Amino acid sequence: VSSLFNSGYVKSLGALVLLGQVFTVCGLRRVAIANAQVIGQLVPVYALLIACAMGVERPSCGKFTAIGLGVAGAAVALDPSNMWLSTGNVFLLLRTVAFAAFLAVQAPALHHHEHSALVTVISQLIAASVTILVCVPIVVVKTGLRGGALFGGGAELNGWVG
């Protein structure tokens, strides 16, 4: 177990989770939650593309047909006024790619480690720890803890991201 905490591979998985969280916050600050939901449905599409590029999955006509349908469905469901060129959608697409990369990259690790569930748990713990270590000081500096920002308040955080 301790070797997993020291593994650069597991730390990189944690970094992908952290990036996904940062991109989510930045994206949601700029677009409607509906766009985030629709773009989030592209995670399996990107995960398959990344896994095929890594050699984890074998490409096939059926898989690429599913990818095309997934992209087309997301494009149709997006609000056209906030479509592709908005900064928020770019952040949400980056979030989708980060989470898809996490899924594709962790797949081989799940087969190689004796306690495969620990790979996921430890990478999530690493991401959560770094998030707390980075974000708590930012919140304290930005808000001075007015209104209990760390304990469920947080209305005063409006506008500090972005």
N, C-alpha and C. Protein backbone atom coordinates (compact mmCIF):
# COMPACT_ATOMS: atom_id res chain seq x y z
N VAL A 1 0.82 -1.19 0.00
CA VAL A 1 0.00 0.00 0.00
C VAL A 1 0.87 1.26 0.00
N SER A 2 1.91 1.28 0.83
CA SER A 2 2.76 2.48 0.88
C SER A 2 3.47 2.71 -0.45
N SER A 3 3.74 1.63 -1.18
CA SER A 3 4.39 1.81 -2.48
C SER A 3 3.46 2.52 -3.46
N LEU A 4 2.15 2.33 -3.31
CA LEU A 4 1.21 3.03 -4.18
C LEU A 4 1.22 4.53 -3.90
N PHE A 5 1.35 4.93 -2.62
CA PHE A 5 1.40 6.35 -2.29
C PHE A 5 2.64 7.02 -2.90
N ASN A 6 3.71 6.25 -3.04
CA ASN A 6 4.94 6.79 -3.58
C ASN A 6 5.07 6.59 -5.10
N SER A 7 4.11 5.94 -5.69
CA SER A 7 4.16 5.64 -7.12
C SER A 7 3.90 6.91 -7.94
N GLY A 8 4.80 7.20 -8.86
CA GLY A 8 4.60 8.34 -9.76
C GLY A 8 3.39 8.14 -10.64
N TYR A 9 3.11 6.88 -10.97
CA TYR A 9 1.96 6.55 -11.80
C TYR A 9 0.66 6.93 -11.09
N VAL A 10 0.55 6.56 -9.82
CA VAL A 10 -0.66 6.86 -9.05
C VAL A 10 -0.76 8.38 -8.79
N LYS A 11 0.39 9.01 -8.58
CA LYS A 11 0.38 10.47 -8.40
C LYS A 11 -0.09 11.17 -9.67
N SER A 12 0.29 10.64 -10.83
CA SER A 12 -0.17 11.25 -12.08
C SER A 12 -1.68 11.05 -12.26
N LEU A 13 -2.19 9.93 -11.80
CA LEU A 13 -3.65 9.74 -11.82
C LEU A 13 -4.32 10.77 -10.93
N GLY A 14 -3.74 11.02 -9.76
CA GLY A 14 -4.28 12.05 -8.86
C GLY A 14 -4.23 13.43 -9.50
N ALA A 15 -3.16 13.71 -10.25
CA ALA A 15 -3.04 15.00 -10.94
C ALA A 15 -4.13 15.15 -12.00
N LEU A 16 -4.47 14.07 -12.69
CA LEU A 16 -5.56 14.13 -13.68
C LEU A 16 -6.90 14.44 -13.02
N VAL A 17 -7.14 13.84 -11.85
CA VAL A 17 -8.37 14.13 -11.12
C VAL A 17 -8.40 15.59 -10.69
N LEU A 18 -7.28 16.07 -10.18
CA LEU A 18 -7.18 17.47 -9.74
C LEU A 18 -7.43 18.41 -10.92
N LEU A 19 -6.80 18.15 -12.05
CA LEU A 19 -7.02 18.98 -13.24
C LEU A 19 -8.50 18.97 -13.65
N GLY A 20 -9.11 17.80 -13.59
CA GLY A 20 -10.53 17.71 -13.92
C GLY A 20 -11.37 18.58 -13.01
N GLN A 21 -11.04 18.61 -11.72
CA GLN A 21 -11.79 19.44 -10.78
C GLN A 21 -11.59 20.92 -11.05
N VAL A 22 -10.36 21.31 -11.33
CA VAL A 22 -10.07 22.72 -11.62
C VAL A 22 -10.80 23.15 -12.89
N PHE A 23 -10.73 22.33 -13.94
CA PHE A 23 -11.42 22.67 -15.18
C PHE A 23 -12.93 22.73 -14.98
N THR A 24 -13.48 21.89 -14.12
CA THR A 24 -14.91 21.93 -13.83
C THR A 24 -15.29 23.25 -13.21
N VAL A 25 -14.56 23.69 -12.20
CA VAL A 25 -14.86 24.96 -11.53
C VAL A 25 -14.76 26.12 -12.52
N CYS A 26 -13.69 26.13 -13.30
CA CYS A 26 -13.51 27.22 -14.27
C CYS A 26 -14.60 27.21 -15.34
N GLY A 27 -15.00 26.03 -15.78
CA GLY A 27 -16.04 25.93 -16.80
C GLY A 27 -17.41 26.32 -16.29
N LEU A 28 -17.76 25.85 -15.10
CA LEU A 28 -19.09 26.15 -14.54
C LEU A 28 -19.24 27.63 -14.21
N ARG A 29 -18.15 28.30 -14.03
CA ARG A 29 -18.19 29.74 -13.76
C ARG A 29 -18.66 30.50 -15.00
N ARG A 30 -18.51 29.88 -16.18
CA ARG A 30 -18.73 30.59 -17.43
C ARG A 30 -19.93 30.13 -18.26
N VAL A 31 -20.44 28.92 -18.01
CA VAL A 31 -21.56 28.42 -18.83
C VAL A 31 -22.63 27.79 -17.92
N ALA A 32 -23.75 27.49 -18.54
CA ALA A 32 -24.86 26.88 -17.82
C ALA A 32 -24.54 25.43 -17.44
N ILE A 33 -25.15 24.98 -16.37
CA ILE A 33 -24.94 23.62 -15.88
C ILE A 33 -25.39 22.60 -16.93
N ALA A 34 -26.36 22.96 -17.76
CA ALA A 34 -26.83 22.04 -18.81
C ALA A 34 -25.70 21.73 -19.79
N ASN A 35 -24.91 22.74 -20.15
CA ASN A 35 -23.77 22.48 -21.03
C ASN A 35 -22.78 21.55 -20.37
N ALA A 36 -22.54 21.75 -19.08
CA ALA A 36 -21.60 20.88 -18.35
C ALA A 36 -22.09 19.44 -18.37
N GLN A 37 -23.38 19.25 -18.21
CA GLN A 37 -23.95 17.91 -18.21
C GLN A 37 -23.80 17.25 -19.57
N VAL A 38 -24.10 17.98 -20.62
CA VAL A 38 -24.01 17.42 -21.97
C VAL A 38 -22.55 17.10 -22.33
N ILE A 39 -21.66 18.05 -22.07
CA ILE A 39 -20.25 17.83 -22.39
C ILE A 39 -19.69 16.69 -21.54
N GLY A 40 -20.15 16.58 -20.30
CA GLY A 40 -19.69 15.49 -19.43
C GLY A 40 -20.03 14.12 -19.97
N GLN A 41 -21.06 14.04 -20.80
CA GLN A 41 -21.43 12.75 -21.39
C GLN A 41 -20.42 12.28 -22.43
N LEU A 42 -19.47 13.15 -22.78
CA LEU A 42 -18.44 12.77 -23.75
C LEU A 42 -17.27 12.03 -23.10
N VAL A 43 -17.27 11.88 -21.79
CA VAL A 43 -16.16 11.18 -21.12
C VAL A 43 -15.92 9.80 -21.72
N PRO A 44 -16.94 8.96 -21.90
CA PRO A 44 -16.67 7.64 -22.50
C PRO A 44 -16.10 7.73 -23.92
N VAL A 45 -16.53 8.74 -24.67
CA VAL A 45 -16.02 8.92 -26.04
C VAL A 45 -14.52 9.18 -26.00
N TYR A 46 -14.10 10.15 -25.19
CA TYR A 46 -12.68 10.47 -25.09
C TYR A 46 -11.89 9.35 -24.43
N ALA A 47 -12.50 8.68 -23.46
CA ALA A 47 -11.80 7.56 -22.81
C ALA A 47 -11.49 6.46 -23.83
N LEU A 48 -12.43 6.18 -24.70
CA LEU A 48 -12.20 5.17 -25.73
C LEU A 48 -11.12 5.62 -26.71
N LEU A 49 -11.15 6.88 -27.12
CA LEU A 49 -10.12 7.38 -28.04
C LEU A 49 -8.73 7.29 -27.40
N ILE A 50 -8.62 7.70 -26.15
CA ILE A 50 -7.34 7.66 -25.45
C ILE A 50 -6.88 6.21 -25.26
N ALA A 51 -7.82 5.33 -24.87
CA ALA A 51 -7.47 3.92 -24.66
C ALA A 51 -7.03 3.27 -25.97
N CYS A 52 -7.67 3.62 -27.08
CA CYS A 52 -7.23 3.08 -28.38
C CYS A 52 -5.84 3.59 -28.74
N ALA A 53 -5.59 4.87 -28.47
CA ALA A 53 -4.27 5.44 -28.76
C ALA A 53 -3.18 4.81 -27.90
N MET A 54 -3.53 4.42 -26.68
CA MET A 54 -2.57 3.79 -25.77
C MET A 54 -2.41 2.30 -26.04
N GLY A 55 -3.28 1.72 -26.84
CA GLY A 55 -3.23 0.29 -27.11
C GLY A 55 -3.96 -0.54 -26.07
N VAL A 56 -4.71 0.11 -25.18
CA VAL A 56 -5.48 -0.61 -24.16
C VAL A 56 -6.73 -1.22 -24.78
N GLU A 57 -7.35 -0.51 -25.71
CA GLU A 57 -8.53 -0.99 -26.43
C GLU A 57 -8.16 -1.19 -27.89
N ARG A 58 -8.81 -2.13 -28.52
CA ARG A 58 -8.61 -2.33 -29.96
C ARG A 58 -9.66 -1.53 -30.71
N PRO A 59 -9.23 -0.72 -31.68
CA PRO A 59 -10.21 0.05 -32.46
C PRO A 59 -11.07 -0.87 -33.31
N SER A 60 -12.32 -0.46 -33.48
CA SER A 60 -13.22 -1.21 -34.36
C SER A 60 -14.23 -0.25 -34.97
N CYS A 61 -14.86 -0.70 -36.02
CA CYS A 61 -15.86 0.11 -36.71
C CYS A 61 -17.01 0.46 -35.75
N GLY A 62 -17.45 -0.50 -34.98
CA GLY A 62 -18.55 -0.27 -34.04
C GLY A 62 -18.20 0.77 -32.98
N LYS A 63 -16.97 0.70 -32.49
CA LYS A 63 -16.54 1.66 -31.46
C LYS A 63 -16.48 3.08 -32.04
N PHE A 64 -15.96 3.21 -33.25
CA PHE A 64 -15.86 4.54 -33.83
C PHE A 64 -17.22 5.07 -34.29
N THR A 65 -18.14 4.18 -34.64
CA THR A 65 -19.51 4.61 -34.92
C THR A 65 -20.14 5.16 -33.64
N ALA A 66 -19.91 4.47 -32.52
CA ALA A 66 -20.42 4.95 -31.23
C ALA A 66 -19.82 6.30 -30.86
N ILE A 67 -18.53 6.49 -31.14
CA ILE A 67 -17.88 7.77 -30.87
C ILE A 67 -18.54 8.87 -31.70
N GLY A 68 -18.74 8.63 -32.97
CA GLY A 68 -19.39 9.62 -33.84
C GLY A 68 -20.79 9.97 -33.35
N LEU A 69 -21.54 8.96 -32.96
CA LEU A 69 -22.90 9.21 -32.46
C LEU A 69 -22.86 10.00 -31.15
N GLY A 70 -21.90 9.69 -30.30
CA GLY A 70 -21.78 10.42 -29.03
C GLY A 70 -21.46 11.89 -29.24
N VAL A 71 -20.54 12.17 -30.13
CA VAL A 71 -20.18 13.56 -30.44
C VAL A 71 -21.36 14.29 -31.08
N ALA A 72 -22.02 13.63 -32.03
CA ALA A 72 -23.17 14.26 -32.68
C ALA A 72 -24.29 14.53 -31.68
N GLY A 73 -24.54 13.59 -30.80
CA GLY A 73 -25.58 13.79 -29.80
C GLY A 73 -25.27 14.94 -28.86
N ALA A 74 -24.04 15.06 -28.45
CA ALA A 74 -23.64 16.17 -27.58
C ALA A 74 -23.75 17.50 -28.31
N ALA A 75 -23.37 17.52 -29.59
CA ALA A 75 -23.45 18.76 -30.37
C ALA A 75 -24.89 19.22 -30.52
N VAL A 76 -25.80 18.28 -30.72
CA VAL A 76 -27.21 18.63 -30.87
C VAL A 76 -27.80 19.13 -29.55
N ALA A 77 -27.39 18.55 -28.44
CA ALA A 77 -27.96 18.89 -27.15
C ALA A 77 -27.42 20.20 -26.57
N LEU A 78 -26.26 20.66 -27.04
CA LEU A 78 -25.69 21.90 -26.51
C LEU A 78 -26.52 23.11 -26.91
N ASP A 79 -26.53 24.08 -26.04
CA ASP A 79 -27.18 25.36 -26.33
C ASP A 79 -26.38 26.05 -27.44
N PRO A 80 -26.98 26.27 -28.61
CA PRO A 80 -26.22 26.83 -29.74
C PRO A 80 -25.60 28.20 -29.43
N SER A 81 -26.24 28.99 -28.58
CA SER A 81 -25.69 30.31 -28.28
C SER A 81 -24.42 30.22 -27.43
N ASN A 82 -24.21 29.09 -26.80
CA ASN A 82 -23.01 28.90 -25.97
C ASN A 82 -22.16 27.77 -26.49
N MET A 83 -22.17 27.54 -27.79
CA MET A 83 -21.62 26.30 -28.30
C MET A 83 -20.10 26.21 -28.20
N TRP A 84 -19.39 26.10 -29.26
CA TRP A 84 -18.01 25.63 -29.25
C TRP A 84 -16.98 26.66 -28.85
N LEU A 85 -17.20 27.91 -29.17
CA LEU A 85 -16.13 28.87 -28.97
C LEU A 85 -16.14 29.54 -27.59
N SER A 86 -17.06 29.17 -26.73
CA SER A 86 -17.07 29.81 -25.41
C SER A 86 -15.96 29.25 -24.55
N THR A 87 -15.39 30.10 -23.73
CA THR A 87 -14.30 29.69 -22.84
C THR A 87 -14.77 28.62 -21.87
N GLY A 88 -15.99 28.77 -21.37
CA GLY A 88 -16.53 27.79 -20.42
C GLY A 88 -16.60 26.40 -21.01
N ASN A 89 -17.05 26.31 -22.26
CA ASN A 89 -17.12 25.00 -22.91
C ASN A 89 -15.74 24.41 -23.14
N VAL A 90 -14.76 25.25 -23.42
CA VAL A 90 -13.39 24.75 -23.59
C VAL A 90 -12.91 24.15 -22.27
N PHE A 91 -13.14 24.86 -21.15
CA PHE A 91 -12.76 24.31 -19.84
C PHE A 91 -13.47 23.00 -19.56
N LEU A 92 -14.75 22.92 -19.91
CA LEU A 92 -15.50 21.69 -19.66
C LEU A 92 -15.03 20.55 -20.57
N LEU A 93 -14.63 20.87 -21.79
CA LEU A 93 -14.05 19.84 -22.66
C LEU A 93 -12.72 19.36 -22.10
N LEU A 94 -11.93 20.28 -21.56
CA LEU A 94 -10.66 19.89 -20.93
C LEU A 94 -10.92 19.02 -19.70
N ARG A 95 -11.97 19.34 -18.95
CA ARG A 95 -12.34 18.49 -17.81
C ARG A 95 -12.70 17.09 -18.28
N THR A 96 -13.45 17.03 -19.36
CA THR A 96 -13.85 15.74 -19.91
C THR A 96 -12.64 14.94 -20.35
N VAL A 97 -11.69 15.60 -21.00
CA VAL A 97 -10.47 14.91 -21.44
C VAL A 97 -9.66 14.44 -20.23
N ALA A 98 -9.57 15.28 -19.18
CA ALA A 98 -8.81 14.89 -17.98
C ALA A 98 -9.41 13.65 -17.33
N PHE A 99 -10.74 13.63 -17.18
CA PHE A 99 -11.37 12.46 -16.57
C PHE A 99 -11.29 11.23 -17.47
N ALA A 100 -11.40 11.45 -18.78
CA ALA A 100 -11.27 10.32 -19.71
C ALA A 100 -9.85 9.76 -19.66
N ALA A 101 -8.87 10.64 -19.60
CA ALA A 101 -7.48 10.19 -19.50
C ALA A 101 -7.26 9.41 -18.20
N PHE A 102 -7.87 9.88 -17.11
CA PHE A 102 -7.79 9.17 -15.84
C PHE A 102 -8.31 7.74 -16.01
N LEU A 103 -9.46 7.60 -16.63
CA LEU A 103 -10.06 6.27 -16.81
C LEU A 103 -9.19 5.38 -17.71
N ALA A 104 -8.72 5.95 -18.80
CA ALA A 104 -7.93 5.15 -19.75
C ALA A 104 -6.57 4.78 -19.17
N VAL A 105 -5.95 5.70 -18.45
CA VAL A 105 -4.61 5.45 -17.91
C VAL A 105 -4.67 4.50 -16.72
N GLN A 106 -5.74 4.56 -15.96
CA GLN A 106 -5.81 3.69 -14.78
C GLN A 106 -6.16 2.25 -15.16
N ALA A 107 -6.75 2.03 -16.32
CA ALA A 107 -7.17 0.68 -16.70
C ALA A 107 -6.04 -0.34 -16.63
N PRO A 108 -4.87 -0.07 -17.21
CA PRO A 108 -3.78 -1.07 -17.10
C PRO A 108 -3.34 -1.28 -15.65
N ALA A 109 -3.36 -0.23 -14.86
CA ALA A 109 -2.93 -0.36 -13.46
C ALA A 109 -3.87 -1.26 -12.67
N LEU A 110 -5.13 -1.23 -13.01
CA LEU A 110 -6.10 -2.07 -12.30
C LEU A 110 -5.83 -3.55 -12.54
N HIS A 111 -5.22 -3.87 -13.67
CA HIS A 111 -4.91 -5.27 -13.98
C HIS A 111 -3.58 -5.72 -13.40
N HIS A 112 -2.68 -4.76 -13.12
CA HIS A 112 -1.34 -5.12 -12.67
C HIS A 112 -1.16 -5.13 -11.16
N HIS A 113 -1.99 -4.41 -10.44
CA HIS A 113 -1.82 -4.35 -8.99
C HIS A 113 -2.72 -5.37 -8.30
N GLU A 114 -2.19 -5.96 -7.24
CA GLU A 114 -2.93 -6.97 -6.50
C GLU A 114 -4.22 -6.38 -5.90
N HIS A 115 -4.11 -5.19 -5.35
CA HIS A 115 -5.27 -4.51 -4.76
C HIS A 115 -5.68 -3.37 -5.69
N SER A 116 -6.36 -3.73 -6.77
CA SER A 116 -6.63 -2.75 -7.82
C SER A 116 -7.52 -1.60 -7.35
N ALA A 117 -8.43 -1.85 -6.45
CA ALA A 117 -9.30 -0.76 -5.97
C ALA A 117 -8.49 0.30 -5.25
N LEU A 118 -7.37 -0.10 -4.64
CA LEU A 118 -6.53 0.88 -3.94
C LEU A 118 -5.90 1.88 -4.89
N VAL A 119 -5.67 1.50 -6.14
CA VAL A 119 -5.11 2.44 -7.12
C VAL A 119 -6.06 3.62 -7.27
N THR A 120 -7.33 3.35 -7.43
CA THR A 120 -8.32 4.40 -7.57
C THR A 120 -8.47 5.20 -6.29
N VAL A 121 -8.58 4.52 -5.17
CA VAL A 121 -8.77 5.19 -3.89
C VAL A 121 -7.59 6.10 -3.58
N ILE A 122 -6.38 5.63 -3.74
CA ILE A 122 -5.20 6.42 -3.40
C ILE A 122 -5.04 7.59 -4.36
N SER A 123 -5.32 7.40 -5.64
CA SER A 123 -5.22 8.53 -6.56
C SER A 123 -6.25 9.60 -6.22
N GLN A 124 -7.44 9.18 -5.81
CA GLN A 124 -8.47 10.15 -5.39
C GLN A 124 -8.05 10.86 -4.10
N LEU A 125 -7.45 10.13 -3.17
CA LEU A 125 -6.97 10.74 -1.92
C LEU A 125 -5.87 11.76 -2.20
N ILE A 126 -4.99 11.44 -3.12
CA ILE A 126 -3.93 12.38 -3.49
C ILE A 126 -4.55 13.66 -4.06
N ALA A 127 -5.49 13.50 -4.97
CA ALA A 127 -6.15 14.67 -5.57
C ALA A 127 -6.88 15.50 -4.52
N ALA A 128 -7.60 14.83 -3.62
CA ALA A 128 -8.33 15.56 -2.57
C ALA A 128 -7.37 16.28 -1.64
N SER A 129 -6.26 15.64 -1.28
CA SER A 129 -5.29 16.26 -0.38
C SER A 129 -4.68 17.51 -1.01
N VAL A 130 -4.28 17.40 -2.28
CA VAL A 130 -3.69 18.57 -2.95
C VAL A 130 -4.73 19.67 -3.10
N THR A 131 -5.97 19.31 -3.41
CA THR A 131 -7.03 20.30 -3.53
C THR A 131 -7.21 21.06 -2.23
N ILE A 132 -7.25 20.34 -1.13
CA ILE A 132 -7.41 20.98 0.18
C ILE A 132 -6.20 21.86 0.49
N LEU A 133 -5.01 21.34 0.26
CA LEU A 133 -3.80 22.11 0.56
C LEU A 133 -3.69 23.38 -0.27
N VAL A 134 -4.18 23.35 -1.49
CA VAL A 134 -4.11 24.52 -2.36
C VAL A 134 -5.29 25.46 -2.14
N CYS A 135 -6.49 24.91 -2.04
CA CYS A 135 -7.70 25.74 -2.04
C CYS A 135 -8.00 26.40 -0.69
N VAL A 136 -7.73 25.74 0.41
CA VAL A 136 -8.04 26.35 1.71
C VAL A 136 -7.28 27.66 1.89
N PRO A 137 -5.98 27.72 1.63
CA PRO A 137 -5.31 29.02 1.75
C PRO A 137 -5.86 30.08 0.79
N ILE A 138 -6.24 29.68 -0.41
CA ILE A 138 -6.81 30.63 -1.36
C ILE A 138 -8.11 31.19 -0.82
N VAL A 139 -8.96 30.32 -0.31
CA VAL A 139 -10.24 30.77 0.24
C VAL A 139 -10.02 31.69 1.44
N VAL A 140 -9.07 31.35 2.29
CA VAL A 140 -8.79 32.18 3.46
C VAL A 140 -8.31 33.56 3.02
N VAL A 141 -7.41 33.62 2.05
CA VAL A 141 -6.89 34.90 1.57
C VAL A 141 -7.98 35.70 0.88
N LYS A 142 -8.76 35.05 0.02
CA LYS A 142 -9.77 35.75 -0.76
C LYS A 142 -10.95 36.23 0.08
N THR A 143 -11.34 35.47 1.10
CA THR A 143 -12.56 35.78 1.84
C THR A 143 -12.31 36.21 3.27
N GLY A 144 -11.16 35.90 3.82
CA GLY A 144 -10.94 36.17 5.24
C GLY A 144 -11.90 35.37 6.11
N LEU A 145 -12.44 34.28 5.55
CA LEU A 145 -13.40 33.40 6.22
C LEU A 145 -14.70 34.10 6.60
N ARG A 146 -15.05 35.16 5.90
CA ARG A 146 -16.33 35.83 6.16
C ARG A 146 -17.47 34.88 5.79
N GLY A 147 -18.44 34.78 6.63
CA GLY A 147 -19.62 33.97 6.34
C GLY A 147 -19.37 32.48 6.37
N GLY A 148 -18.29 32.04 6.92
CA GLY A 148 -18.04 30.60 7.04
C GLY A 148 -17.82 29.92 5.72
N ALA A 149 -17.01 30.50 4.84
CA ALA A 149 -16.81 29.96 3.50
C ALA A 149 -16.35 28.51 3.51
N LEU A 150 -15.57 28.13 4.50
CA LEU A 150 -15.09 26.76 4.54
C LEU A 150 -16.09 25.79 5.12
N PHE A 151 -17.16 26.30 5.68
CA PHE A 151 -18.12 25.43 6.38
C PHE A 151 -19.52 25.59 5.84
N GLY A 152 -19.65 25.75 4.54
CA GLY A 152 -20.97 25.75 3.93
C GLY A 152 -21.49 27.11 3.55
N GLY A 153 -20.85 28.19 3.96
CA GLY A 153 -21.27 29.55 3.55
C GLY A 153 -20.91 29.70 2.09
N GLY A 154 -19.97 30.54 1.80
CA GLY A 154 -19.40 30.58 0.46
C GLY A 154 -20.02 31.51 -0.52
N ALA A 155 -21.09 32.23 -0.15
CA ALA A 155 -21.68 33.15 -1.11
C ALA A 155 -20.68 34.23 -1.52
N GLU A 156 -19.77 34.55 -0.62
CA GLU A 156 -18.80 35.58 -0.92
C GLU A 156 -17.72 35.12 -1.90
N LEU A 157 -17.74 33.84 -2.31
CA LEU A 157 -16.77 33.34 -3.27
C LEU A 157 -17.14 33.71 -4.70
N ASN A 158 -18.37 34.17 -4.89
CA ASN A 158 -18.82 34.51 -6.23
C ASN A 158 -17.87 35.53 -6.87
N GLY A 159 -17.26 35.16 -7.95
CA GLY A 159 -16.39 36.07 -8.67
C GLY A 159 -14.91 35.88 -8.40
N TRP A 160 -14.51 35.06 -7.47
CA TRP A 160 -13.07 34.92 -7.20
C TRP A 160 -12.39 33.98 -8.16
N VAL A 161 -13.14 33.13 -8.83
CA VAL A 161 -12.56 32.25 -9.85
C VAL A 161 -12.77 32.90 -11.19
N GLY A 162 -11.70 33.02 -11.95
CA GLY A 162 -11.85 33.51 -13.32
C GLY A 162 -11.54 34.92 -13.54
